[in-house]
Amino acid sequence: MTLLFRYLLFSYLTLMTIYTSNVYAQQKYTIYLDADFSGATASSLAIQQGITTALAEVDNQIQGIEFGVILKDHRANSLRSRRNLEAFLADEQALMVFSGLHSPPLLANKSFINDNDILLLDPWAAAGPITRSGSDKNWIFRLSIDDSNAGLFISRKAIEQGFSKPYLLLEDTGWGRSNEKTMTEALNESSIKPKGLSWFNWGVGMNHAKVLLRDIKASGADVIFFVGNSAEGVTFAKAMVDLPQSIRLPIRSHWGITGGDFTDNVPASQRENIDLQFIQTNFSFINDNLSALAKNVLALAVKSNSNIKHPADIKAQTGFIHAYDLTKIVITAIKQVKLTGDRNQDKSLVHHALEHLVQPVPGLLKRYQRPFSPYNKKQLNAHEALTIEDYAMGKYTLKDEIVLLNSLGDNH
């Protein structure tokens, strides 16, 4: 072998090593977060914090590939969400999408998501049909409350507390309509018929809210089942406070009110005058006796997010908790396969791994043992990581924190 040939061979191998290293170092996957950063900001930020905290546990790298998060604000608009999904498809480095609080964008775009093999992880939106595909092809995985069970849980807890004349006050969306069905069915199981049903639109005014509340009281109802988001929750809560004490009714709410700035607009001095409880999942950083895992996660959240100093700084804790656990499950799924660097191939590998997880995943809510399974129309819960056993009722404290109510009459 001549000296020149050796030199050329050495130079070639050196260049190939540098090239290969650069390609490897440049390999990056992004996670899109398609959520409402305009109206439901607290929930969207909490989901972002949960994702980034879980990624920080693995130094934002899996199999040598860097993972980052790209924020997309759909402003509660289904068409804008569709455009964000189209941007995801055009991005060769985008591997998966996390969704936010609102169900309507997912309901409107469900077929588009499944038809285009968009790996979508849902840590909040609760409408039942989201994870129930019309075919065996299903790319949406949820770790959150499922409205197929939420209405039943809220109804059961209200009945346990002695209420027997509920009135349904629901937002006029797919989310509200899915709850109307499940709440009515749940009440029928206890031979209870709602005293009435009223629908409201986003942006409902104070005067209209007061009229509705007066009509509800006149119906003979003893409790209101409320399904709505923070903005409308604020309106109805303030309207209730403004009414005479004799007209005020207890409210048992879905958790949509916790996803925005409810406590900023309805301070503790006003909340003291109403009986308000809402559904949650069964973990809170405000709980006593946090596990070692929870303490470590909280410490890492403080380290990884400059605006978190205390648990109360996580304004919509369920968003953080669910996003953290769901990201941990996704990381476990990715580690179960060998990433190729080909986005489409890797999406399919991760999808398959999510449905066939081998290793259990320790999370904040629970230890997940095979949380998902292959979906078909006979296995409608296959892409649901949680069950009704993971739910709880909660309420706000005077410090604007959410505590879980573990026993009837528990006011903390």
Protein backbone atom coordinates (compact mmCIF):
# COMPACT_ATOMS: atom_id res chain seq x y z
CA MET A 1 0.00 0.00 0.00
CA THR A 2 1.62 3.25 -1.13
CA LEU A 3 2.02 6.18 1.20
CA LEU A 4 -0.27 8.28 -1.01
CA PHE A 5 -2.98 5.61 -0.92
CA ARG A 6 -2.73 5.34 2.85
CA TYR A 7 -3.01 9.11 3.12
CA LEU A 8 -6.06 9.23 0.88
CA LEU A 9 -7.69 6.31 2.74
CA PHE A 10 -7.02 7.96 6.10
CA SER A 11 -8.43 11.27 4.84
CA TYR A 12 -11.53 9.55 3.47
CA LEU A 13 -12.20 7.66 6.70
CA THR A 14 -11.66 10.82 8.74
CA LEU A 15 -14.07 12.79 6.59
CA MET A 16 -16.67 10.00 6.73
CA THR A 17 -16.36 9.84 10.51
CA ILE A 18 -16.85 13.60 10.79
CA TYR A 19 -19.76 13.49 8.33
CA THR A 20 -21.44 10.59 10.14
CA SER A 21 -20.93 12.28 13.50
CA ASN A 22 -22.39 15.54 12.22
CA VAL A 23 -25.42 13.80 10.75
CA TYR A 24 -25.93 11.95 14.04
CA ALA A 25 -25.46 15.11 16.07
CA GLN A 26 -27.90 17.00 13.87
CA GLN A 27 -30.61 14.38 14.20
CA LYS A 28 -33.48 15.92 16.15
CA TYR A 29 -37.11 15.19 16.70
CA THR A 30 -39.69 17.75 17.77
CA ILE A 31 -42.92 17.36 19.70
CA TYR A 32 -45.67 19.75 18.67
CA LEU A 33 -47.95 21.07 21.41
CA ASP A 34 -51.16 22.18 19.67
CA ALA A 35 -53.14 23.94 22.39
CA ASP A 36 -54.89 27.15 23.40
CA PHE A 37 -52.22 29.56 24.64
CA SER A 38 -54.60 32.52 24.35
CA GLY A 39 -57.75 31.65 26.31
CA ALA A 40 -56.79 28.55 28.31
CA THR A 41 -53.21 29.58 28.96
CA ALA A 42 -52.79 27.92 32.35
CA SER A 43 -53.65 24.47 31.05
CA SER A 44 -51.40 24.80 28.00
CA LEU A 45 -48.43 26.01 30.03
CA ALA A 46 -48.94 23.21 32.54
CA ILE A 47 -48.92 20.62 29.73
CA GLN A 48 -45.75 22.16 28.32
CA GLN A 49 -44.11 22.02 31.76
CA GLY A 50 -45.10 18.39 32.22
CA ILE A 51 -43.61 17.40 28.86
CA THR A 52 -40.36 19.31 29.39
CA THR A 53 -39.92 17.97 32.92
CA ALA A 54 -40.22 14.36 31.71
CA LEU A 55 -37.79 15.07 28.86
CA ALA A 56 -35.36 16.67 31.32
CA GLU A 57 -35.15 13.33 33.14
CA VAL A 58 -33.42 11.88 30.05
CA ASP A 59 -31.48 15.10 29.28
CA ASN A 60 -33.78 15.70 26.29
CA GLN A 61 -32.16 12.84 24.39
CA ILE A 62 -33.26 9.32 23.54
CA GLN A 63 -30.95 7.00 21.62
CA GLY A 64 -28.68 9.96 20.99
CA ILE A 65 -31.46 11.92 19.28
CA GLU A 66 -32.40 15.29 20.75
CA PHE A 67 -36.05 15.96 21.51
CA GLY A 68 -37.54 19.45 21.73
CA VAL A 69 -41.01 21.01 21.98
CA ILE A 70 -42.61 23.42 19.49
CA LEU A 71 -45.60 25.43 20.73
CA LYS A 72 -48.60 25.99 18.43
CA ASP A 73 -51.50 28.20 19.56
CA HIS A 74 -54.81 27.14 18.02
CA ARG A 75 -56.76 29.69 20.14
CA ALA A 76 -59.61 27.18 20.62
CA ASN A 77 -60.21 27.28 16.86
CA SER A 78 -60.59 23.94 15.07
CA LEU A 79 -59.50 25.33 11.68
CA ARG A 80 -56.36 26.84 13.19
CA SER A 81 -55.67 23.49 14.84
CA ARG A 82 -56.02 21.83 11.42
CA ARG A 83 -53.41 24.22 10.01
CA ASN A 84 -51.08 23.36 12.89
CA LEU A 85 -51.51 19.67 12.09
CA GLU A 86 -50.73 20.38 8.43
CA ALA A 87 -47.57 22.20 9.54
CA PHE A 88 -46.67 19.12 11.58
CA LEU A 89 -47.01 16.90 8.51
CA ALA A 90 -44.75 19.20 6.52
CA ASP A 91 -42.06 19.16 9.23
CA GLU A 92 -39.71 16.21 8.67
CA GLN A 93 -38.38 16.51 12.22
CA ALA A 94 -41.82 16.43 13.88
CA LEU A 95 -42.56 13.04 15.44
CA MET A 96 -45.71 13.53 17.52
CA VAL A 97 -48.33 16.04 18.65
CA PHE A 98 -49.62 16.72 22.16
CA SER A 99 -53.07 18.30 22.36
CA GLY A 100 -54.49 20.73 24.90
CA LEU A 101 -57.61 21.34 26.97
CA HIS A 102 -60.23 21.75 24.26
CA SER A 103 -62.10 18.78 22.81
CA PRO A 104 -63.73 20.46 19.75
CA PRO A 105 -60.48 20.77 17.71
CA LEU A 106 -59.78 17.07 18.21
CA LEU A 107 -63.35 16.05 17.41
CA ALA A 108 -63.33 18.18 14.25
CA ASN A 109 -59.94 16.88 13.09
CA LYS A 110 -60.11 13.27 14.29
CA SER A 111 -60.48 11.78 10.82
CA PHE A 112 -57.65 13.96 9.48
CA ILE A 113 -55.40 12.81 12.34
CA ASN A 114 -56.10 9.12 11.77
CA ASP A 115 -56.07 9.30 7.95
CA ASN A 116 -52.63 10.97 8.02
CA ASP A 117 -51.06 8.78 10.72
CA ILE A 118 -50.47 11.70 13.09
CA LEU A 119 -49.22 10.30 16.40
CA LEU A 120 -51.34 12.33 18.81
CA LEU A 121 -51.13 12.26 22.60
CA ASP A 122 -54.02 13.75 24.58
CA PRO A 123 -53.26 14.79 28.20
CA TRP A 124 -56.46 16.77 28.85
CA ALA A 125 -59.31 16.95 26.28
CA ALA A 126 -62.02 14.66 27.66
CA ALA A 127 -64.78 14.15 25.05
CA GLY A 128 -65.51 10.45 24.77
CA PRO A 129 -65.38 10.07 20.96
CA ILE A 130 -61.80 11.44 20.70
CA THR A 131 -60.16 8.03 21.17
CA ARG A 132 -62.94 6.00 19.54
CA SER A 133 -62.13 5.72 15.85
CA GLY A 134 -64.72 4.72 13.27
CA SER A 135 -62.29 2.11 11.95
CA ASP A 136 -59.55 -0.05 13.42
CA LYS A 137 -57.05 2.68 12.51
CA ASN A 138 -56.51 4.87 15.56
CA TRP A 139 -53.57 7.22 16.17
CA ILE A 140 -54.92 9.08 19.22
CA PHE A 141 -53.85 8.02 22.73
CA ARG A 142 -55.29 9.62 25.87
CA LEU A 143 -54.10 9.88 29.45
CA SER A 144 -56.85 12.00 30.95
CA ILE A 145 -60.42 11.88 32.11
CA ASP A 146 -62.72 10.18 29.61
CA ASP A 147 -66.21 11.67 29.44
CA SER A 148 -67.58 8.17 28.91
CA ASN A 149 -66.91 7.88 32.66
CA ALA A 150 -66.82 11.49 33.89
CA GLY A 151 -70.56 12.03 33.89
CA LEU A 152 -71.03 8.79 35.80
CA PHE A 153 -68.41 9.79 38.39
CA ILE A 154 -69.76 13.31 38.93
CA SER A 155 -73.30 11.95 39.19
CA ARG A 156 -72.35 9.22 41.67
CA LYS A 157 -70.46 11.64 43.90
CA ALA A 158 -73.34 14.11 43.89
CA ILE A 159 -75.82 11.37 44.79
CA GLU A 160 -73.50 10.18 47.57
CA GLN A 161 -73.56 13.72 48.93
CA GLY A 162 -77.34 13.60 49.13
CA PHE A 163 -78.37 15.46 45.97
CA SER A 164 -81.30 14.05 44.04
CA LYS A 165 -82.54 16.88 41.77
CA PRO A 166 -79.66 17.83 39.45
CA TYR A 167 -79.94 20.38 36.65
CA LEU A 168 -77.59 20.13 33.66
CA LEU A 169 -75.92 23.41 32.61
CA LEU A 170 -73.69 22.60 29.63
CA GLU A 171 -71.71 24.42 26.96
CA ASP A 172 -73.14 23.91 23.47
CA THR A 173 -70.22 21.99 21.94
CA GLY A 174 -69.36 18.36 21.22
CA TRP A 175 -67.82 18.22 24.67
CA GLY A 176 -71.01 19.46 26.31
CA ARG A 177 -73.21 17.15 24.27
CA SER A 178 -71.14 14.08 25.12
CA ASN A 179 -71.56 14.93 28.81
CA GLU A 180 -75.31 15.42 28.42
CA LYS A 181 -75.55 11.84 27.20
CA THR A 182 -73.33 10.25 29.85
CA MET A 183 -74.72 12.28 32.76
CA THR A 184 -78.31 11.46 31.79
CA GLU A 185 -77.47 7.76 31.46
CA ALA A 186 -75.67 7.78 34.82
CA LEU A 187 -78.62 9.42 36.56
CA ASN A 188 -81.03 6.96 34.97
CA GLU A 189 -79.09 4.14 36.62
CA SER A 190 -80.15 5.66 39.95
CA SER A 191 -83.70 6.32 38.72
CA ILE A 192 -83.06 10.07 38.76
CA LYS A 193 -84.24 12.36 35.99
CA PRO A 194 -82.60 15.78 35.60
CA LYS A 195 -84.82 18.69 36.58
CA GLY A 196 -83.84 20.36 33.34
CA LEU A 197 -81.16 21.08 30.77
CA SER A 198 -79.80 24.44 29.55
CA TRP A 199 -77.15 25.10 26.93
CA PHE A 200 -74.85 28.13 26.75
CA ASN A 201 -72.33 29.38 24.21
CA TRP A 202 -68.76 30.53 24.68
CA GLY A 203 -68.75 34.16 25.79
CA VAL A 204 -72.10 33.97 27.59
CA GLY A 205 -72.94 37.31 29.26
CA MET A 206 -73.52 38.02 32.94
CA ASN A 207 -77.19 38.97 32.55
CA HIS A 208 -77.98 35.82 30.60
CA ALA A 209 -76.12 33.74 33.20
CA LYS A 210 -78.23 35.24 36.01
CA VAL A 211 -81.46 34.53 34.11
CA LEU A 212 -80.41 30.90 33.62
CA LEU A 213 -79.48 30.50 37.30
CA ARG A 214 -82.82 31.94 38.43
CA ASP A 215 -84.66 29.56 36.08
CA ILE A 216 -82.64 26.63 37.41
CA LYS A 217 -83.55 27.50 40.99
CA ALA A 218 -87.21 27.82 39.99
CA SER A 219 -87.12 24.31 38.50
CA GLY A 220 -86.73 22.83 41.97
CA ALA A 221 -83.14 21.65 41.36
CA ASP A 222 -80.88 21.10 44.37
CA VAL A 223 -77.54 20.99 42.49
CA ILE A 224 -76.09 22.16 39.16
CA PHE A 225 -73.97 19.87 37.00
CA PHE A 226 -71.77 22.31 35.07
CA VAL A 227 -69.71 21.56 31.96
CA GLY A 228 -67.76 24.54 30.68
CA ASN A 229 -64.34 26.15 30.56
CA SER A 230 -62.74 28.78 32.75
CA ALA A 231 -64.13 31.88 31.04
CA GLU A 232 -67.74 30.73 31.26
CA GLY A 233 -67.12 29.23 34.70
CA VAL A 234 -66.06 32.69 35.89
CA THR A 235 -69.26 34.24 34.48
CA PHE A 236 -71.59 31.74 36.15
CA ALA A 237 -69.69 31.77 39.45
CA LYS A 238 -69.80 35.57 39.64
CA ALA A 239 -73.46 35.52 38.64
CA MET A 240 -74.16 33.03 41.43
CA VAL A 241 -72.35 35.20 43.99
CA ASP A 242 -74.39 38.25 42.89
CA LEU A 243 -77.69 36.44 43.43
CA PRO A 244 -79.42 36.34 46.83
CA GLN A 245 -78.26 33.55 49.14
CA SER A 246 -81.67 31.87 48.83
CA ILE A 247 -81.17 31.36 45.07
CA ARG A 248 -77.62 29.99 45.14
CA LEU A 249 -77.21 26.29 44.41
CA PRO A 250 -74.22 23.96 44.84
CA ILE A 251 -72.20 23.35 41.66
CA ARG A 252 -70.58 20.06 40.71
CA SER A 253 -68.42 20.84 37.72
CA HIS A 254 -66.29 19.27 35.07
CA TRP A 255 -62.67 20.35 35.31
CA GLY A 256 -62.70 22.79 32.39
CA ILE A 257 -62.92 25.69 34.86
CA THR A 258 -59.43 24.83 36.19
CA GLY A 259 -57.67 25.31 32.85
CA GLY A 260 -57.60 29.13 32.79
CA ASP A 261 -57.57 32.08 35.17
CA PHE A 262 -60.62 31.13 37.26
CA THR A 263 -59.04 31.88 40.64
CA ASP A 264 -57.73 35.25 39.44
CA ASN A 265 -61.22 36.34 38.42
CA VAL A 266 -63.18 34.63 41.20
CA PRO A 267 -61.06 35.26 44.31
CA ALA A 268 -61.36 33.28 47.52
CA SER A 269 -63.50 36.00 49.11
CA GLN A 270 -66.16 35.30 46.45
CA ARG A 271 -65.67 31.52 46.26
CA GLU A 272 -66.42 31.30 49.99
CA ASN A 273 -70.02 32.17 49.11
CA ILE A 274 -70.61 29.24 46.75
CA ASP A 275 -70.37 25.47 47.07
CA LEU A 276 -68.14 24.45 44.17
CA GLN A 277 -66.48 21.10 43.55
CA PHE A 278 -65.05 19.69 40.33
CA ILE A 279 -63.72 16.43 38.95
CA GLN A 280 -59.98 15.76 38.98
CA THR A 281 -57.66 12.78 38.71
CA ASN A 282 -56.35 11.22 41.86
CA PHE A 283 -53.03 12.98 42.42
CA SER A 284 -52.05 16.46 43.55
CA PHE A 285 -48.74 18.01 44.52
CA ILE A 286 -50.68 19.63 47.37
CA ASN A 287 -51.30 16.19 48.89
CA ASP A 288 -49.59 15.26 52.13
CA ASN A 289 -46.96 12.50 52.14
CA LEU A 290 -45.72 12.85 48.57
CA SER A 291 -43.87 9.80 47.25
CA ALA A 292 -40.14 9.96 46.54
CA LEU A 293 -40.96 10.02 42.80
CA ALA A 294 -43.33 12.97 43.22
CA LYS A 295 -40.77 14.90 45.27
CA ASN A 296 -38.11 14.28 42.63
CA VAL A 297 -40.44 15.34 39.81
CA LEU A 298 -41.37 18.53 41.66
CA ALA A 299 -37.70 19.33 42.28
CA LEU A 300 -36.89 18.79 38.59
CA ALA A 301 -39.90 20.91 37.57
CA VAL A 302 -38.53 23.76 39.68
CA LYS A 303 -35.09 23.30 38.13
CA SER A 304 -36.38 23.01 34.55
CA ASN A 305 -39.01 25.79 34.62
CA SER A 306 -38.02 29.24 35.81
CA ASN A 307 -41.60 30.21 36.68
CA ILE A 308 -42.14 27.26 39.06
CA LYS A 309 -40.91 27.74 42.62
CA HIS A 310 -43.67 26.03 44.59
CA PRO A 311 -46.46 23.53 43.74
CA ALA A 312 -48.98 26.39 43.68
CA ASP A 313 -47.06 27.90 40.75
CA ILE A 314 -48.34 25.06 38.55
CA LYS A 315 -51.68 26.69 37.83
CA ALA A 316 -53.42 23.73 36.18
CA GLN A 317 -51.83 20.75 37.88
CA THR A 318 -53.75 18.07 36.05
CA GLY A 319 -52.24 19.29 32.78
CA PHE A 320 -48.74 18.95 34.21
CA ILE A 321 -49.44 15.58 35.85
CA HIS A 322 -51.03 13.99 32.80
CA ALA A 323 -48.47 15.40 30.35
CA TYR A 324 -45.60 14.22 32.56
CA ASP A 325 -47.01 10.69 32.88
CA LEU A 326 -47.90 10.51 29.19
CA THR A 327 -44.43 11.69 28.15
CA LYS A 328 -42.87 9.08 30.46
CA ILE A 329 -44.96 6.42 28.70
CA VAL A 330 -43.88 7.74 25.28
CA ILE A 331 -40.21 7.74 26.33
CA THR A 332 -40.57 4.13 27.47
CA ALA A 333 -42.16 3.22 24.13
CA ILE A 334 -39.34 4.90 22.20
CA LYS A 335 -36.72 3.05 24.24
CA GLN A 336 -38.47 -0.21 23.36
CA VAL A 337 -37.72 0.26 19.64
CA LYS A 338 -34.71 1.24 17.56
CA LEU A 339 -35.23 4.64 16.01
CA THR A 340 -34.22 4.80 12.35
CA GLY A 341 -34.15 8.55 11.74
CA ASP A 342 -36.95 8.14 9.20
CA ARG A 343 -39.87 10.11 10.65
CA ASN A 344 -42.67 8.04 9.14
CA GLN A 345 -41.08 4.74 10.04
CA ASP A 346 -40.34 5.89 13.57
CA LYS A 347 -43.93 7.12 14.07
CA SER A 348 -45.18 3.65 13.24
CA LEU A 349 -42.62 2.01 15.52
CA VAL A 350 -43.62 4.21 18.46
CA HIS A 351 -47.33 3.69 17.76
CA HIS A 352 -46.84 -0.07 17.85
CA ALA A 353 -44.73 0.15 21.00
CA LEU A 354 -47.38 2.23 22.78
CA GLU A 355 -49.89 -0.54 22.15
CA HIS A 356 -47.42 -3.24 23.27
CA LEU A 357 -45.44 -1.78 26.17
CA VAL A 358 -43.32 -4.39 27.90
CA GLN A 359 -41.92 -2.39 30.80
CA PRO A 360 -44.17 -0.87 33.49
CA VAL A 361 -43.97 2.92 33.78
CA PRO A 362 -43.89 4.60 37.21
CA GLY A 363 -45.96 7.78 37.04
CA LEU A 364 -47.42 10.41 39.34
CA LEU A 365 -50.97 9.09 39.12
CA LYS A 366 -50.06 5.42 39.26
CA ARG A 367 -47.76 2.71 37.96
CA TYR A 368 -48.80 2.01 34.37
CA GLN A 369 -48.82 -1.63 33.32
CA ARG A 370 -49.65 -1.89 29.60
CA PRO A 371 -51.72 1.36 29.61
CA PHE A 372 -52.66 0.98 25.92
CA SER A 373 -53.49 -1.97 23.70
CA PRO A 374 -54.28 -2.51 19.98
CA TYR A 375 -57.47 -0.69 19.08
CA ASN A 376 -60.52 -2.09 17.34
CA LYS A 377 -64.23 -1.29 17.50
CA LYS A 378 -64.74 -4.07 20.03
CA GLN A 379 -62.02 -2.63 22.29
CA LEU A 380 -63.19 0.98 22.62
CA ASN A 381 -61.07 1.67 25.71
CA ALA A 382 -57.82 0.43 24.15
CA HIS A 383 -56.31 3.92 23.90
CA GLU A 384 -57.39 5.08 27.38
CA ALA A 385 -54.63 4.99 30.01
CA LEU A 386 -56.95 5.85 32.92
CA THR A 387 -60.17 4.41 34.32
CA ILE A 388 -62.90 5.77 36.58
CA GLU A 389 -60.91 4.39 39.53
CA ASP A 390 -58.32 7.13 38.88
CA TYR A 391 -60.80 10.00 39.37
CA ALA A 392 -61.47 12.20 42.40
CA MET A 393 -63.38 15.36 43.27
CA GLY A 394 -61.48 18.50 44.18
CA LYS A 395 -61.98 22.08 45.28
CA TYR A 396 -60.06 25.33 45.57
CA THR A 397 -58.52 26.34 48.89
CA LEU A 398 -58.34 29.91 50.17
CA LYS A 399 -54.77 29.94 48.77
CA ASP A 400 -56.08 29.19 45.25
CA GLU A 401 -54.66 25.67 45.38
CA ILE A 402 -56.60 22.56 44.33
CA VAL A 403 -57.00 19.87 46.97
CA LEU A 404 -58.58 16.49 46.46
CA LEU A 405 -61.63 15.54 48.49
CA ASN A 406 -60.96 12.00 49.59
CA SER A 407 -64.04 11.60 51.73
CA LEU A 408 -67.56 12.98 51.73
CA GLY A 409 -67.85 16.25 53.58
CA ASP A 410 -64.07 16.73 53.43
CA ASN A 411 -63.59 20.47 53.07
CA HIS A 412 -59.86 20.68 53.83
